[in-house]
Protein backbone atom coordinates (compact mmCIF):
# COMPACT_ATOMS: atom_id res chain seq x y z
CA UNK A 1 74.11 151.15 76.98
CA UNK A 2 76.71 152.86 79.23
CA UNK A 3 73.94 154.09 81.65
CA UNK A 4 72.53 150.47 81.96
CA UNK A 5 76.03 149.13 82.81
CA UNK A 6 76.48 151.98 85.45
CA UNK A 7 73.12 151.14 86.98
CA UNK A 8 73.90 147.50 87.15
CA UNK A 9 77.15 148.19 88.86
CA UNK A 10 75.36 150.27 91.53
CA UNK A 11 72.84 147.50 92.13
CA UNK A 12 75.47 145.01 92.37
CA UNK A 13 77.63 146.89 94.74
CA UNK A 14 74.49 147.53 97.03
CA UNK A 15 73.69 143.82 96.87
CA UNK A 16 77.36 142.80 97.78
CA UNK A 17 77.18 145.30 100.82
CA UNK A 18 73.81 143.99 101.84
CA UNK A 19 75.18 140.39 101.89
CA UNK A 20 78.28 141.57 103.79
CA UNK A 21 75.91 142.88 106.56
CA UNK A 22 74.34 139.40 106.76
CA UNK A 23 77.75 137.87 107.36
CA UNK A 24 79.42 137.26 103.88
CA UNK A 25 82.69 138.44 102.63
CA UNK A 26 83.06 140.21 99.33
CA UNK A 27 84.20 137.11 97.56
CA UNK A 28 81.58 134.98 99.15
CA UNK A 29 78.94 137.59 98.02
CA UNK A 30 80.34 137.64 94.48
CA UNK A 31 80.35 133.77 94.14
CA UNK A 32 76.82 133.55 95.45
CA UNK A 33 75.61 136.11 93.07
CA UNK A 34 77.38 134.37 90.24
CA UNK A 35 75.78 131.00 91.13
CA UNK A 36 72.26 132.63 91.59
CA UNK A 37 72.44 134.29 88.11
CA UNK A 38 73.93 131.39 86.10
CA UNK A 39 72.46 128.40 87.91
CA UNK A 40 75.44 126.34 88.58
CA UNK A 41 79.17 126.14 87.63
CA UNK A 42 82.42 124.38 87.97
CA UNK A 43 85.38 125.99 89.76
CA UNK A 44 86.66 127.27 86.45
CA UNK A 45 83.12 128.85 85.55
CA UNK A 46 82.84 130.39 89.02
CA UNK A 47 86.34 132.11 88.63
CA UNK A 48 85.35 133.42 85.19
CA UNK A 49 81.77 134.50 86.14
CA UNK A 50 82.58 136.10 89.62
CA UNK A 51 85.88 137.67 88.95
CA UNK A 52 87.51 136.43 92.04
CA UNK A 53 91.09 134.88 91.95
CA UNK A 54 90.98 131.21 91.21
CA UNK A 55 93.08 130.37 93.98
CA UNK A 56 90.48 131.78 96.46
CA UNK A 57 87.44 130.00 94.78
CA UNK A 58 87.89 126.62 96.65
CA UNK A 59 88.04 128.26 100.05
CA UNK A 60 84.94 130.51 99.27
CA UNK A 61 83.05 127.56 98.12
CA UNK A 62 83.81 125.70 101.41
CA UNK A 63 82.70 128.59 103.42
CA UNK A 64 79.36 128.96 101.58
CA UNK A 65 78.81 125.24 101.80
CA UNK A 66 79.32 125.42 105.55
CA UNK A 67 76.69 128.23 105.76
CA UNK A 68 74.29 125.97 103.90
CA UNK A 69 73.48 128.15 100.98
CA UNK A 70 75.07 126.21 98.10
CA UNK A 71 74.74 122.56 97.03
CA UNK A 72 77.30 120.43 95.23
CA UNK A 73 76.81 117.96 92.33
CA UNK A 74 79.12 114.90 92.33
CA UNK A 75 80.19 115.29 88.77
CA UNK A 76 83.52 115.46 87.22
CA UNK A 77 84.60 118.13 87.51
CA UNK A 78 82.42 119.03 90.55
CA UNK A 79 79.57 121.52 89.90
CA UNK A 80 78.12 123.99 92.50
CA UNK A 81 74.67 125.49 92.63
CA UNK A 82 73.03 128.16 94.90
CA UNK A 83 69.92 127.27 96.72
CA UNK A 84 66.71 129.46 96.28
CA UNK A 85 67.00 133.01 97.16
CA UNK A 86 64.32 132.94 100.01
CA UNK A 87 66.19 129.94 101.34
CA UNK A 88 69.61 131.82 101.17
CA UNK A 89 68.20 134.77 103.27
CA UNK A 90 66.55 132.41 105.71
CA UNK A 91 69.85 130.59 106.34
CA UNK A 92 71.76 133.86 106.50
CA UNK A 93 69.32 135.47 108.83
CA UNK A 94 69.53 132.23 111.07
CA UNK A 95 73.28 132.27 111.13
CA UNK A 96 73.44 135.90 111.74
CA UNK A 97 71.00 135.61 114.79
CA UNK A 98 72.94 132.70 116.10
CA UNK A 99 76.14 134.63 115.90
CA UNK A 100 74.54 137.62 117.65
CA UNK A 101 73.22 135.42 120.42
CA UNK A 102 76.66 133.81 120.95
CA UNK A 103 78.53 137.00 120.97
CA UNK A 104 76.13 138.65 123.43
CA UNK A 105 76.37 135.51 125.81
CA UNK A 106 80.18 135.42 125.57
CA UNK A 107 80.47 139.27 126.00
CA UNK A 108 78.31 139.14 129.11
CA UNK A 109 80.46 136.39 130.45
CA UNK A 110 83.53 138.39 129.97
CA UNK A 111 81.98 141.61 131.26
CA UNK A 112 80.58 139.94 134.52
CA UNK A 113 83.58 137.61 135.11
CA UNK A 114 84.55 137.80 138.74
CA UNK A 115 88.04 136.82 138.32
CA UNK A 116 88.87 139.83 136.13
CA UNK A 117 90.20 142.64 138.38
CA UNK A 118 88.47 146.02 138.09
CA UNK A 119 90.57 149.12 137.27
CA UNK A 120 89.97 151.08 140.49
CA UNK A 121 91.55 154.13 138.99
CA UNK A 122 89.91 154.25 135.71
CA UNK A 123 89.46 157.81 134.10
CA UNK A 124 87.65 158.54 130.79
CA UNK A 125 87.37 161.77 129.06
CA UNK A 126 84.33 162.11 126.88
CA UNK A 127 83.40 165.03 124.40
CA UNK A 128 80.16 165.88 122.50
CA UNK A 129 76.51 166.19 123.38
CA UNK A 130 75.59 162.86 122.17
CA UNK A 131 78.58 160.96 123.56
CA UNK A 132 78.04 162.62 126.93
CA UNK A 133 74.36 161.96 126.80
CA UNK A 134 74.87 158.37 125.95
CA UNK A 135 77.25 157.92 128.94
CA UNK A 136 74.91 159.55 131.36
CA UNK A 137 72.13 157.14 130.18
CA UNK A 138 74.37 154.24 130.50
CA UNK A 139 75.22 155.29 134.07
CA UNK A 140 71.59 155.82 134.97
CA UNK A 141 70.56 152.38 133.68
CA UNK A 142 73.28 150.74 135.97
CA UNK A 143 71.99 152.42 139.08
CA UNK A 144 70.54 150.00 141.80
CA UNK A 145 70.30 152.10 144.90
CA UNK A 146 70.99 155.88 144.70
CA UNK A 147 71.51 158.59 142.12
CA UNK A 148 72.78 161.99 143.04
CA UNK A 149 72.68 164.68 140.47
CA UNK A 150 74.30 168.19 141.49
CA UNK A 151 72.79 170.48 138.76
CA UNK A 152 72.75 173.88 140.47
CA UNK A 153 74.62 175.26 137.63
CA UNK A 154 72.52 177.21 134.98
CA UNK A 155 74.45 176.12 131.99
CA UNK A 156 73.53 172.32 132.56
CA UNK A 157 70.00 173.32 132.67
CA UNK A 158 70.51 175.33 129.54
CA UNK A 159 71.95 172.43 127.78
CA UNK A 160 69.02 170.22 128.55
CA UNK A 161 66.73 172.86 127.19
CA UNK A 162 68.62 173.37 123.95
CA UNK A 163 69.25 169.67 123.08
CA UNK A 164 66.25 167.50 122.50
CA UNK A 165 68.40 164.50 122.65
CA UNK A 166 69.03 165.15 126.39
CA UNK A 167 65.28 164.51 127.06
CA UNK A 168 66.22 160.85 127.37
CA UNK A 169 68.11 161.74 130.45
CA UNK A 170 64.88 162.97 132.04
CA UNK A 171 62.98 159.89 131.04
CA UNK A 172 65.59 157.48 132.33
CA UNK A 173 65.74 159.32 135.71
CA UNK A 174 61.90 159.03 136.01
CA UNK A 175 62.08 155.29 135.13
CA UNK A 176 64.69 154.91 137.90
CA UNK A 177 62.47 156.85 140.44
CA UNK A 178 59.49 154.56 139.47
CA UNK A 179 61.69 151.50 140.05
CA UNK A 180 62.38 152.51 143.57
CA UNK A 181 66.03 153.98 143.12
CA UNK A 182 66.54 156.91 145.54
CA UNK A 183 67.22 160.19 143.51
CA UNK A 184 68.47 163.22 144.97
CA UNK A 185 68.84 166.41 142.93
CA UNK A 186 70.19 169.94 143.69
CA UNK A 187 69.01 172.93 141.67
CA UNK A 188 69.29 176.70 141.58
CA UNK A 189 66.36 179.12 142.08
CA UNK A 190 65.69 179.68 138.41
CA UNK A 191 65.42 175.93 137.45
CA UNK A 192 62.02 174.22 137.30
CA UNK A 193 63.45 170.70 137.35
CA UNK A 194 61.63 169.86 140.52
CA UNK A 195 58.41 169.90 138.47
CA UNK A 196 59.80 167.30 136.01
CA UNK A 197 60.09 164.46 138.39
CA UNK A 198 57.64 162.63 140.77
CA UNK A 199 59.37 160.90 143.63
CA UNK A 200 62.85 162.68 143.64
CA UNK A 201 64.18 164.47 146.60
CA UNK A 202 65.03 167.83 145.19
CA UNK A 203 66.66 170.83 147.12
CA UNK A 204 67.28 174.31 145.94
CA UNK A 205 70.49 176.21 146.40
CA UNK A 206 69.58 179.44 148.43
CA UNK A 207 72.15 181.93 147.09
CA UNK A 208 73.08 183.26 143.74
CA UNK A 209 75.22 180.77 141.54
CA UNK A 210 78.52 182.40 140.67
CA UNK A 211 79.85 182.33 137.13
CA UNK A 212 82.98 181.33 138.67
CA UNK A 213 81.63 178.06 139.70
CA UNK A 214 81.85 174.82 137.59
CA UNK A 215 79.62 175.16 134.46
CA UNK A 216 78.01 171.82 134.39
CA UNK A 217 77.03 169.24 136.90
CA UNK A 218 77.97 166.10 138.92
CA UNK A 219 76.37 162.85 138.59
CA UNK A 220 77.09 159.91 141.20
CA UNK A 221 75.75 156.50 140.78
CA UNK A 222 75.58 154.06 143.78
CA UNK A 223 78.87 155.55 144.98
CA UNK A 224 80.57 153.43 142.32
CA UNK A 225 80.93 155.83 139.49
CA UNK A 226 81.07 159.43 138.93
CA UNK A 227 80.80 161.85 136.04
CA UNK A 228 81.73 165.54 136.04
CA UNK A 229 79.96 167.37 133.14
CA UNK A 230 81.48 170.65 132.00
CA UNK A 231 80.29 173.21 129.55
CA UNK A 232 83.15 175.39 128.25
CA UNK A 233 81.18 177.45 126.03
CA UNK A 234 77.48 178.47 126.57
CA UNK A 235 77.02 179.82 122.93
CA UNK A 236 75.27 177.36 120.64
CA UNK A 237 76.47 174.89 119.68
CA UNK A 238 77.76 174.15 123.25
CA UNK A 239 81.12 172.78 123.93
CA UNK A 240 79.96 169.85 126.18
CA UNK A 241 82.36 167.43 127.82
CA UNK A 242 82.73 165.05 130.69
CA UNK A 243 85.11 163.14 132.69
CA UNK A 244 84.16 159.83 134.18
CA UNK A 245 85.71 158.17 137.27
CA UNK A 246 85.32 154.86 138.92
CA UNK A 247 88.15 155.01 141.57
CA UNK A 248 87.03 154.99 145.20
CA UNK A 249 89.31 157.78 146.15
CA UNK A 250 88.10 160.22 143.60
CA UNK A 251 84.49 159.35 144.16
CA UNK A 252 84.86 160.03 147.94
CA UNK A 253 86.56 163.48 147.27
CA UNK A 254 83.85 164.75 145.02
CA UNK A 255 81.11 163.02 147.02
CA UNK A 256 82.22 164.95 150.11
CA UNK A 257 81.67 168.34 148.28
CA UNK A 258 78.35 167.14 146.86
CA UNK A 259 77.21 166.30 150.35
CA UNK A 260 78.33 169.70 151.73
CA UNK A 261 76.30 171.31 148.95
CA UNK A 262 73.28 169.20 149.86
CA UNK A 263 73.37 170.32 153.44
CA UNK A 264 73.52 173.92 152.23
CA UNK A 265 70.43 173.62 149.85
CA UNK A 266 67.05 173.97 151.20
CA UNK A 267 64.06 171.51 150.60
CA UNK A 268 61.55 172.40 148.11
CA UNK A 269 58.80 174.53 149.95
CA UNK A 270 61.19 175.86 152.41
CA UNK A 271 60.53 179.50 153.45
CA UNK A 272 64.14 180.34 153.24
CA UNK A 273 64.72 179.23 149.59
CA UNK A 274 63.29 182.37 148.09
CA UNK A 275 61.10 180.41 145.49
């Protein structure tokens, strides 16, 4: 008996959580479940069957009525009844999809609003392989004209080999190349990254890369945003972090050094690159 009660409690909690994901509150879910189980009831019945405070019952019933998932019977006292389960789910799905559509529309309006001033000096620190990877992918997706990746540092190449999650960066870069976005990449002698992309302009750093240099890489998108990727620890798991900038001054400074490195690097196939 005790096991049956325990199992039923687990099932009920799971159902309540599922209904919450479809847009109901805990109280709304409990009232809906009670009405579905017992057919119909008055406010007093619902209070007793659902276990929610009587003072909250009227408000909950009003919300469920607005969502179109319960009906009312004009009796004295008023009785309430849940519609069929398949109709409940259809209504909740429709309400959820409408809420998603409206939310997306409004968020895009806010995001693209021309009258909202941009923060020209924004700086964000990011840590963790997944978080850094997600940011890189987000930046690549926004590229319209040019992507510059300074990846002459062996540790960044190592990170891409170690973590399968970073394969999405390679896929996204190739997608952008195929879309016609100009992609420039600098690598070191030991990297084989040039074989991974068709259509990118790749140059090779002719000398040995010192351990004293930055362990990581730099990504520039359309001269609008820049990401400095750093690897503080090359042991597994790696300590991967990044700093994102969108200030014109910061970007221009780092872009200057990137362009200097680009000039020093040799095109693939050059007799002087040693590969």
